N, C-alpha and C. Protein backbone atom coordinates (compact mmCIF):
# COMPACT_ATOMS: atom_id res chain seq x y z
N MET A 1 68.29 55.93 56.48
CA MET A 1 67.42 55.32 57.45
C MET A 1 67.93 53.91 57.75
N ILE A 2 67.85 53.51 59.00
CA ILE A 2 68.23 52.16 59.41
C ILE A 2 66.96 51.32 59.52
N ASN A 3 66.95 50.17 58.87
CA ASN A 3 65.84 49.23 58.99
C ASN A 3 66.21 48.18 60.02
N PHE A 4 65.34 47.98 60.98
CA PHE A 4 65.59 47.04 62.07
C PHE A 4 64.87 45.73 61.84
N GLU A 5 65.53 44.65 62.23
CA GLU A 5 64.90 43.34 62.23
C GLU A 5 64.02 43.27 63.47
N PRO A 6 62.78 42.81 63.34
CA PRO A 6 61.93 42.70 64.53
C PRO A 6 62.44 41.60 65.46
N MET A 7 62.22 41.78 66.73
CA MET A 7 62.59 40.76 67.71
C MET A 7 61.65 39.58 67.55
N THR A 8 62.24 38.39 67.56
CA THR A 8 61.47 37.16 67.46
C THR A 8 61.86 36.26 68.64
N ALA A 9 61.28 35.08 68.68
CA ALA A 9 61.60 34.13 69.74
C ALA A 9 62.98 33.50 69.53
N ASP A 10 63.56 33.66 68.34
CA ASP A 10 64.88 33.10 68.04
C ASP A 10 65.95 33.95 68.73
N PRO A 11 66.70 33.36 69.69
CA PRO A 11 67.70 34.14 70.42
C PRO A 11 69.01 34.38 69.65
N VAL A 12 69.20 33.73 68.51
CA VAL A 12 70.49 33.82 67.80
C VAL A 12 70.83 35.25 67.38
N PRO A 13 69.93 35.99 66.72
CA PRO A 13 70.31 37.35 66.34
C PRO A 13 70.65 38.25 67.55
N LEU A 14 69.94 38.08 68.64
CA LEU A 14 70.22 38.89 69.82
C LEU A 14 71.58 38.52 70.41
N ARG A 15 71.90 37.22 70.46
CA ARG A 15 73.23 36.80 70.92
C ARG A 15 74.32 37.40 70.03
N GLN A 16 74.08 37.42 68.72
CA GLN A 16 75.05 38.00 67.79
C GLN A 16 75.23 39.50 68.04
N ALA A 17 74.15 40.18 68.33
CA ALA A 17 74.24 41.61 68.64
C ALA A 17 75.00 41.83 69.94
N PHE A 18 74.71 41.04 70.97
CA PHE A 18 75.43 41.17 72.24
C PHE A 18 76.91 40.88 72.06
N ALA A 19 77.25 39.94 71.15
CA ALA A 19 78.65 39.58 70.92
C ALA A 19 79.45 40.70 70.25
N CYS A 20 78.77 41.71 69.73
CA CYS A 20 79.46 42.86 69.12
C CYS A 20 80.11 43.76 70.17
N PHE A 21 79.70 43.61 71.42
CA PHE A 21 80.23 44.45 72.48
C PHE A 21 81.32 43.69 73.24
N PRO A 22 82.57 44.17 73.21
CA PRO A 22 83.63 43.48 73.94
C PRO A 22 83.46 43.66 75.44
N SER A 23 83.85 42.64 76.19
CA SER A 23 83.78 42.75 77.64
C SER A 23 84.97 42.05 78.27
N GLY A 24 85.26 42.42 79.48
CA GLY A 24 86.23 41.68 80.26
C GLY A 24 85.54 40.45 80.82
N VAL A 25 86.33 39.58 81.43
CA VAL A 25 85.79 38.37 82.03
C VAL A 25 86.29 38.28 83.45
N THR A 26 85.39 37.94 84.36
CA THR A 26 85.76 37.81 85.76
C THR A 26 85.48 36.41 86.27
N SER A 27 86.17 36.08 87.34
CA SER A 27 85.85 34.90 88.12
C SER A 27 85.22 35.42 89.40
N VAL A 28 84.07 34.88 89.76
CA VAL A 28 83.40 35.24 91.00
C VAL A 28 83.39 33.98 91.85
N GLY A 29 84.02 34.03 93.03
CA GLY A 29 84.12 32.79 93.78
C GLY A 29 84.30 32.96 95.27
N ALA A 30 84.17 31.85 95.96
CA ALA A 30 84.35 31.78 97.41
C ALA A 30 84.71 30.35 97.77
N VAL A 31 85.26 30.19 98.95
CA VAL A 31 85.48 28.86 99.49
C VAL A 31 84.30 28.58 100.42
N VAL A 32 83.49 27.60 100.02
CA VAL A 32 82.26 27.27 100.75
C VAL A 32 82.41 25.85 101.31
N ASP A 33 82.26 25.70 102.60
CA ASP A 33 82.41 24.40 103.25
C ASP A 33 83.74 23.73 102.88
N GLY A 34 84.80 24.56 102.78
CA GLY A 34 86.14 24.05 102.53
C GLY A 34 86.48 23.79 101.08
N ALA A 35 85.55 24.02 100.16
CA ALA A 35 85.79 23.73 98.74
C ALA A 35 85.59 25.00 97.90
N PRO A 36 86.38 25.15 96.82
CA PRO A 36 86.21 26.31 95.94
C PRO A 36 84.91 26.22 95.15
N VAL A 37 84.18 27.33 95.12
CA VAL A 37 82.93 27.43 94.37
C VAL A 37 83.02 28.73 93.58
N GLY A 38 82.70 28.67 92.31
CA GLY A 38 82.76 29.90 91.53
C GLY A 38 82.29 29.73 90.12
N MET A 39 82.30 30.85 89.41
CA MET A 39 81.82 30.87 88.03
C MET A 39 82.48 32.03 87.30
N ALA A 40 82.45 31.96 85.99
CA ALA A 40 82.93 33.06 85.16
C ALA A 40 81.76 33.98 84.85
N ALA A 41 82.06 35.27 84.77
CA ALA A 41 81.01 36.24 84.43
C ALA A 41 81.61 37.35 83.57
N SER A 42 81.03 37.53 82.39
CA SER A 42 81.47 38.64 81.53
C SER A 42 80.52 39.83 81.67
N SER A 43 79.48 39.66 82.43
CA SER A 43 78.49 40.74 82.63
C SER A 43 78.80 41.52 83.90
N PHE A 44 80.07 41.79 84.13
CA PHE A 44 80.56 42.54 85.28
C PHE A 44 80.69 44.01 84.88
N THR A 45 80.29 44.91 85.77
CA THR A 45 80.47 46.33 85.48
C THR A 45 80.58 47.15 86.76
N SER A 46 81.27 48.26 86.65
CA SER A 46 81.31 49.20 87.77
C SER A 46 79.96 49.88 87.87
N VAL A 47 79.55 50.22 89.10
CA VAL A 47 78.25 50.84 89.32
C VAL A 47 78.40 52.20 89.99
N SER A 48 79.18 52.25 91.08
CA SER A 48 79.22 53.47 91.89
C SER A 48 80.57 53.60 92.59
N LEU A 49 81.05 54.85 92.68
CA LEU A 49 82.25 55.12 93.47
C LEU A 49 81.90 55.37 94.93
N ASP A 50 80.72 55.95 95.18
CA ASP A 50 80.32 56.28 96.55
C ASP A 50 78.85 55.96 96.74
N PRO A 51 78.50 54.81 97.31
CA PRO A 51 79.41 53.81 97.87
C PRO A 51 80.05 52.98 96.76
N PRO A 52 81.19 52.32 97.04
CA PRO A 52 81.84 51.50 96.01
C PRO A 52 81.04 50.23 95.72
N LEU A 53 80.47 50.16 94.51
CA LEU A 53 79.63 49.03 94.11
C LEU A 53 80.00 48.55 92.71
N VAL A 54 79.87 47.25 92.49
CA VAL A 54 79.94 46.66 91.16
C VAL A 54 78.71 45.78 91.00
N SER A 55 78.43 45.37 89.76
CA SER A 55 77.34 44.44 89.52
C SER A 55 77.81 43.30 88.64
N VAL A 56 77.15 42.17 88.81
CA VAL A 56 77.39 40.99 87.99
C VAL A 56 76.03 40.37 87.73
N CYS A 57 75.82 39.90 86.49
CA CYS A 57 74.55 39.26 86.14
C CYS A 57 74.74 37.74 86.09
N PHE A 58 73.75 37.03 86.63
CA PHE A 58 73.77 35.57 86.66
C PHE A 58 72.48 35.03 86.08
N GLN A 59 72.56 33.92 85.34
CA GLN A 59 71.35 33.28 84.82
C GLN A 59 70.52 32.79 85.99
N ASN A 60 69.22 32.93 85.86
CA ASN A 60 68.32 32.45 86.92
C ASN A 60 68.43 30.96 87.13
N SER A 61 68.87 30.23 86.11
CA SER A 61 69.01 28.77 86.22
C SER A 61 70.32 28.35 86.90
N SER A 62 71.17 29.30 87.25
CA SER A 62 72.46 28.97 87.86
C SER A 62 72.27 28.26 89.21
N THR A 63 73.00 27.19 89.40
CA THR A 63 73.00 26.52 90.69
C THR A 63 74.18 26.99 91.55
N THR A 64 75.12 27.69 90.93
CA THR A 64 76.29 28.20 91.65
C THR A 64 75.98 29.52 92.35
N TRP A 65 75.27 30.43 91.69
CA TRP A 65 75.01 31.73 92.28
C TRP A 65 74.31 31.64 93.64
N PRO A 66 73.29 30.82 93.83
CA PRO A 66 72.67 30.75 95.16
C PRO A 66 73.66 30.36 96.26
N ARG A 67 74.60 29.49 95.96
CA ARG A 67 75.62 29.11 96.95
C ARG A 67 76.53 30.28 97.26
N LEU A 68 76.91 31.04 96.24
CA LEU A 68 77.77 32.20 96.45
C LEU A 68 77.02 33.29 97.22
N ARG A 69 75.78 33.54 96.82
CA ARG A 69 74.97 34.56 97.49
C ARG A 69 74.83 34.26 98.97
N GLU A 70 74.59 33.00 99.29
CA GLU A 70 74.43 32.60 100.68
C GLU A 70 75.72 32.80 101.48
N HIS A 71 76.86 32.57 100.82
CA HIS A 71 78.15 32.76 101.50
C HIS A 71 78.34 34.23 101.84
N GLY A 72 77.94 35.12 100.92
CA GLY A 72 77.97 36.56 101.20
C GLY A 72 79.25 37.26 100.84
N ARG A 73 80.40 36.79 101.29
CA ARG A 73 81.69 37.42 100.97
C ARG A 73 82.29 36.68 99.78
N LEU A 74 82.64 37.44 98.74
CA LEU A 74 83.09 36.84 97.50
C LEU A 74 84.38 37.49 97.01
N GLY A 75 85.08 36.77 96.17
CA GLY A 75 86.25 37.31 95.50
C GLY A 75 85.96 37.45 94.02
N ILE A 76 86.27 38.62 93.48
CA ILE A 76 86.16 38.83 92.04
C ILE A 76 87.57 39.01 91.50
N SER A 77 87.92 38.17 90.54
CA SER A 77 89.21 38.27 89.86
C SER A 77 88.94 38.72 88.43
N VAL A 78 89.52 39.85 88.04
CA VAL A 78 89.42 40.30 86.65
C VAL A 78 90.46 39.47 85.90
N LEU A 79 90.00 38.51 85.11
CA LEU A 79 90.91 37.58 84.47
C LEU A 79 91.84 38.31 83.50
N ALA A 80 93.06 37.78 83.37
CA ALA A 80 94.10 38.42 82.58
C ALA A 80 94.28 37.74 81.24
N GLU A 81 94.90 38.48 80.33
CA GLU A 81 95.28 37.93 79.04
C GLU A 81 96.03 36.62 79.31
N GLY A 82 95.68 35.57 78.60
CA GLY A 82 96.31 34.28 78.83
C GLY A 82 95.52 33.39 79.77
N HIS A 83 94.45 33.89 80.36
CA HIS A 83 93.61 33.09 81.25
C HIS A 83 92.49 32.39 80.49
N ASP A 84 92.64 32.22 79.19
CA ASP A 84 91.59 31.61 78.35
C ASP A 84 91.16 30.25 78.91
N GLU A 85 92.13 29.38 79.17
CA GLU A 85 91.80 28.03 79.66
C GLU A 85 91.20 28.08 81.06
N ILE A 86 91.68 29.00 81.89
CA ILE A 86 91.12 29.17 83.23
C ILE A 86 89.65 29.57 83.11
N CYS A 87 89.36 30.49 82.21
CA CYS A 87 87.97 30.92 82.01
C CYS A 87 87.11 29.76 81.55
N ARG A 88 87.61 28.97 80.61
CA ARG A 88 86.84 27.81 80.13
C ARG A 88 86.56 26.83 81.27
N ALA A 89 87.57 26.60 82.11
CA ALA A 89 87.40 25.67 83.23
C ALA A 89 86.35 26.19 84.22
N ILE A 90 86.45 27.48 84.56
CA ILE A 90 85.52 28.07 85.52
C ILE A 90 84.11 28.13 84.94
N SER A 91 84.00 28.24 83.62
CA SER A 91 82.69 28.29 82.95
C SER A 91 82.05 26.92 82.80
N SER A 92 82.82 25.87 83.01
CA SER A 92 82.30 24.52 82.78
C SER A 92 81.29 24.14 83.86
N ARG A 93 80.62 23.03 83.65
CA ARG A 93 79.68 22.52 84.63
C ARG A 93 80.35 21.49 85.55
N SER A 94 81.65 21.35 85.41
CA SER A 94 82.39 20.38 86.22
C SER A 94 82.34 20.75 87.70
N PRO A 95 82.18 19.78 88.58
CA PRO A 95 82.22 20.09 90.02
C PRO A 95 83.64 20.45 90.47
N ASP A 96 84.66 20.13 89.65
CA ASP A 96 86.05 20.42 89.99
C ASP A 96 86.60 21.56 89.13
N ARG A 97 85.84 22.63 88.97
CA ARG A 97 86.23 23.75 88.10
C ARG A 97 87.59 24.34 88.43
N PHE A 98 87.97 24.31 89.71
CA PHE A 98 89.21 24.95 90.13
C PHE A 98 90.35 23.97 90.34
N GLU A 99 90.18 22.72 89.88
CA GLU A 99 91.15 21.66 90.14
C GLU A 99 92.57 22.02 89.70
N ASP A 100 92.75 22.54 88.51
CA ASP A 100 94.09 22.84 87.99
C ASP A 100 94.37 24.34 87.95
N ILE A 101 93.67 25.10 88.76
CA ILE A 101 93.81 26.56 88.78
C ILE A 101 94.45 26.98 90.10
N GLU A 102 95.46 27.85 90.00
CA GLU A 102 96.08 28.39 91.21
C GLU A 102 95.23 29.53 91.73
N TRP A 103 94.88 29.46 93.02
CA TRP A 103 94.02 30.48 93.62
C TRP A 103 94.39 30.64 95.09
N ASP A 104 93.95 31.76 95.65
CA ASP A 104 94.11 32.04 97.07
C ASP A 104 92.75 32.39 97.64
N VAL A 105 92.68 32.40 98.95
CA VAL A 105 91.44 32.73 99.64
C VAL A 105 91.71 33.88 100.61
N SER A 106 90.76 34.78 100.73
CA SER A 106 90.87 35.89 101.68
C SER A 106 90.42 35.40 103.06
N PRO A 107 90.71 36.17 104.11
CA PRO A 107 90.25 35.76 105.45
C PRO A 107 88.73 35.57 105.52
N GLY A 108 87.97 36.32 104.69
CA GLY A 108 86.51 36.18 104.70
C GLY A 108 86.00 35.06 103.82
N GLY A 109 86.89 34.39 103.08
CA GLY A 109 86.47 33.27 102.25
C GLY A 109 86.32 33.56 100.78
N GLY A 110 86.64 34.78 100.33
CA GLY A 110 86.59 35.08 98.90
C GLY A 110 87.70 34.33 98.17
N LEU A 111 87.41 33.85 96.97
CA LEU A 111 88.37 33.09 96.18
C LEU A 111 88.94 33.99 95.09
N PHE A 112 90.28 33.99 94.95
CA PHE A 112 90.96 34.87 94.00
C PHE A 112 91.91 34.06 93.11
N VAL A 113 91.76 34.19 91.80
CA VAL A 113 92.60 33.49 90.82
C VAL A 113 93.94 34.21 90.75
N HIS A 114 95.04 33.43 90.79
CA HIS A 114 96.39 34.00 90.68
C HIS A 114 96.58 34.74 89.36
N ASP A 115 97.42 35.75 89.40
CA ASP A 115 97.88 36.50 88.22
C ASP A 115 96.75 37.23 87.48
N ALA A 116 95.70 37.59 88.18
CA ALA A 116 94.61 38.35 87.57
C ALA A 116 95.03 39.81 87.38
N ALA A 117 94.28 40.53 86.57
CA ALA A 117 94.55 41.96 86.35
C ALA A 117 94.14 42.79 87.56
N ALA A 118 93.13 42.33 88.28
CA ALA A 118 92.68 43.01 89.50
C ALA A 118 91.88 42.02 90.34
N TRP A 119 91.83 42.31 91.64
CA TRP A 119 91.02 41.52 92.57
C TRP A 119 90.17 42.46 93.40
N LEU A 120 88.91 42.10 93.58
CA LEU A 120 87.99 42.86 94.42
C LEU A 120 87.43 41.94 95.49
N ASP A 121 87.57 42.36 96.75
CA ASP A 121 86.98 41.64 97.87
C ASP A 121 85.62 42.27 98.10
N VAL A 122 84.55 41.53 97.85
CA VAL A 122 83.21 42.11 97.84
C VAL A 122 82.26 41.36 98.79
N VAL A 123 81.18 42.05 99.12
CA VAL A 123 80.11 41.50 99.95
C VAL A 123 78.80 41.66 99.19
N PHE A 124 77.99 40.60 99.18
CA PHE A 124 76.68 40.67 98.55
C PHE A 124 75.87 41.79 99.17
N ASP A 125 75.26 42.62 98.32
CA ASP A 125 74.45 43.75 98.78
C ASP A 125 72.97 43.51 98.50
N SER A 126 72.63 43.32 97.22
CA SER A 126 71.22 43.14 96.86
C SER A 126 71.11 42.56 95.45
N GLU A 127 69.88 42.23 95.07
CA GLU A 127 69.60 41.67 93.74
C GLU A 127 68.45 42.41 93.09
N VAL A 128 68.49 42.40 91.75
CA VAL A 128 67.40 42.97 90.96
C VAL A 128 67.03 41.94 89.89
N PRO A 129 65.77 41.49 89.84
CA PRO A 129 65.38 40.57 88.77
C PRO A 129 65.46 41.28 87.42
N ALA A 130 65.96 40.55 86.41
CA ALA A 130 66.10 41.13 85.07
C ALA A 130 65.92 40.04 84.02
N GLY A 131 64.68 39.76 83.67
CA GLY A 131 64.39 38.73 82.67
C GLY A 131 64.87 37.37 83.10
N ASP A 132 65.68 36.72 82.25
CA ASP A 132 66.17 35.39 82.58
C ASP A 132 67.46 35.44 83.41
N HIS A 133 67.82 36.64 83.87
CA HIS A 133 69.00 36.84 84.70
C HIS A 133 68.64 37.58 85.99
N THR A 134 69.58 37.59 86.91
CA THR A 134 69.49 38.38 88.13
C THR A 134 70.71 39.27 88.18
N ILE A 135 70.51 40.54 88.46
CA ILE A 135 71.62 41.47 88.63
C ILE A 135 71.96 41.53 90.10
N ALA A 136 73.19 41.17 90.43
CA ALA A 136 73.65 41.20 91.82
C ALA A 136 74.50 42.44 92.03
N LEU A 137 74.15 43.23 93.03
CA LEU A 137 74.98 44.37 93.43
C LEU A 137 75.89 43.92 94.56
N LEU A 138 77.17 44.23 94.41
CA LEU A 138 78.18 43.79 95.36
C LEU A 138 78.95 45.00 95.87
N SER A 139 79.10 45.09 97.17
CA SER A 139 79.81 46.19 97.82
C SER A 139 81.30 45.83 97.93
N ILE A 140 82.16 46.74 97.51
CA ILE A 140 83.61 46.50 97.51
C ILE A 140 84.20 46.89 98.86
N ASP A 141 84.86 45.92 99.51
CA ASP A 141 85.53 46.17 100.79
C ASP A 141 87.03 46.38 100.62
N GLY A 142 87.62 45.79 99.58
CA GLY A 142 89.06 45.92 99.36
C GLY A 142 89.40 45.57 97.94
N LEU A 143 90.59 45.98 97.50
CA LEU A 143 91.00 45.68 96.14
C LEU A 143 92.51 45.62 96.02
N GLN A 144 92.95 45.00 94.95
CA GLN A 144 94.36 44.92 94.58
C GLN A 144 94.40 45.01 93.06
N ILE A 145 95.36 45.75 92.52
CA ILE A 145 95.43 45.99 91.08
C ILE A 145 96.81 45.61 90.56
N ASN A 146 96.85 44.92 89.43
CA ASN A 146 98.08 44.65 88.67
C ASN A 146 98.01 45.49 87.41
N SER A 147 98.36 46.75 87.50
CA SER A 147 98.14 47.68 86.38
C SER A 147 98.97 47.36 85.14
N ASP A 148 100.00 46.53 85.26
CA ASP A 148 100.79 46.14 84.09
C ASP A 148 100.26 44.89 83.41
N THR A 149 99.17 44.34 83.94
CA THR A 149 98.60 43.10 83.41
C THR A 149 97.38 43.41 82.55
N ALA A 150 97.42 42.98 81.30
CA ALA A 150 96.30 43.22 80.38
C ALA A 150 95.14 42.27 80.73
N PRO A 151 93.90 42.75 80.62
CA PRO A 151 92.75 41.89 80.92
C PRO A 151 92.44 40.93 79.78
N LEU A 152 91.74 39.87 80.12
CA LEU A 152 91.18 38.96 79.13
C LEU A 152 89.96 39.65 78.53
N VAL A 153 89.86 39.65 77.21
CA VAL A 153 88.74 40.32 76.53
C VAL A 153 87.94 39.27 75.75
N PHE A 154 86.62 39.35 75.87
CA PHE A 154 85.72 38.45 75.16
C PHE A 154 84.92 39.28 74.17
N HIS A 155 85.04 38.93 72.88
CA HIS A 155 84.35 39.68 71.83
C HIS A 155 84.08 38.74 70.66
N GLY A 156 82.89 38.83 70.09
CA GLY A 156 82.54 37.98 68.95
C GLY A 156 82.60 36.51 69.30
N SER A 157 82.24 36.19 70.55
CA SER A 157 82.19 34.81 71.04
C SER A 157 83.56 34.14 71.09
N ARG A 158 84.63 34.95 71.21
CA ARG A 158 85.97 34.38 71.40
C ARG A 158 86.85 35.34 72.18
N PHE A 159 87.96 34.83 72.68
CA PHE A 159 88.88 35.65 73.45
C PHE A 159 89.77 36.44 72.50
N ARG A 160 90.07 37.67 72.91
CA ARG A 160 90.90 38.56 72.09
C ARG A 160 91.91 39.26 72.98
N ARG A 161 92.86 39.92 72.34
CA ARG A 161 93.87 40.70 73.04
C ARG A 161 93.68 42.17 72.70
N LEU A 162 93.99 43.01 73.67
CA LEU A 162 93.98 44.45 73.41
C LEU A 162 95.24 44.83 72.65
N ALA A 163 95.14 45.79 71.78
CA ALA A 163 96.31 46.27 71.04
C ALA A 163 96.70 47.64 71.57
N THR A 164 98.00 47.87 71.66
CA THR A 164 98.49 49.18 72.08
C THR A 164 98.63 50.04 70.84
N LEU A 165 98.07 51.22 70.88
CA LEU A 165 98.13 52.13 69.73
C LEU A 165 99.17 53.20 69.96
């Protein structure tokens, strides 16, 4: 029999449980009013092949997500192994998150980090409230894949590498 710890107001055990699940890390961004705007998100997942949809979760307290949502067309870069510092920069609260990062912009204004494992050109579709986060559904209009590039993996509150077996 498994004995469970009851849920309490202390978020630490829940964070530790969530950290047991490895995830990739993405950059979600756009060029808004001529400047790069974006954030890192590890809560990215595929949703549907038909229609092509992905989802990303954002904290309700985010000041970046409303700006991206309003822009509508976004770039998702699946960050690659070795993008640790890029992820830290994009995750920061600095207004110059993209200052030392090489990136490109799509004709629609989506921002894409160089040398990513994959890029998705997406359009905001809808939102679903989910506790202290919002789940954003994004419709995929185009993509590019670097299949020889390993993704950045976040597990146990640190970056890791995939091993080939």
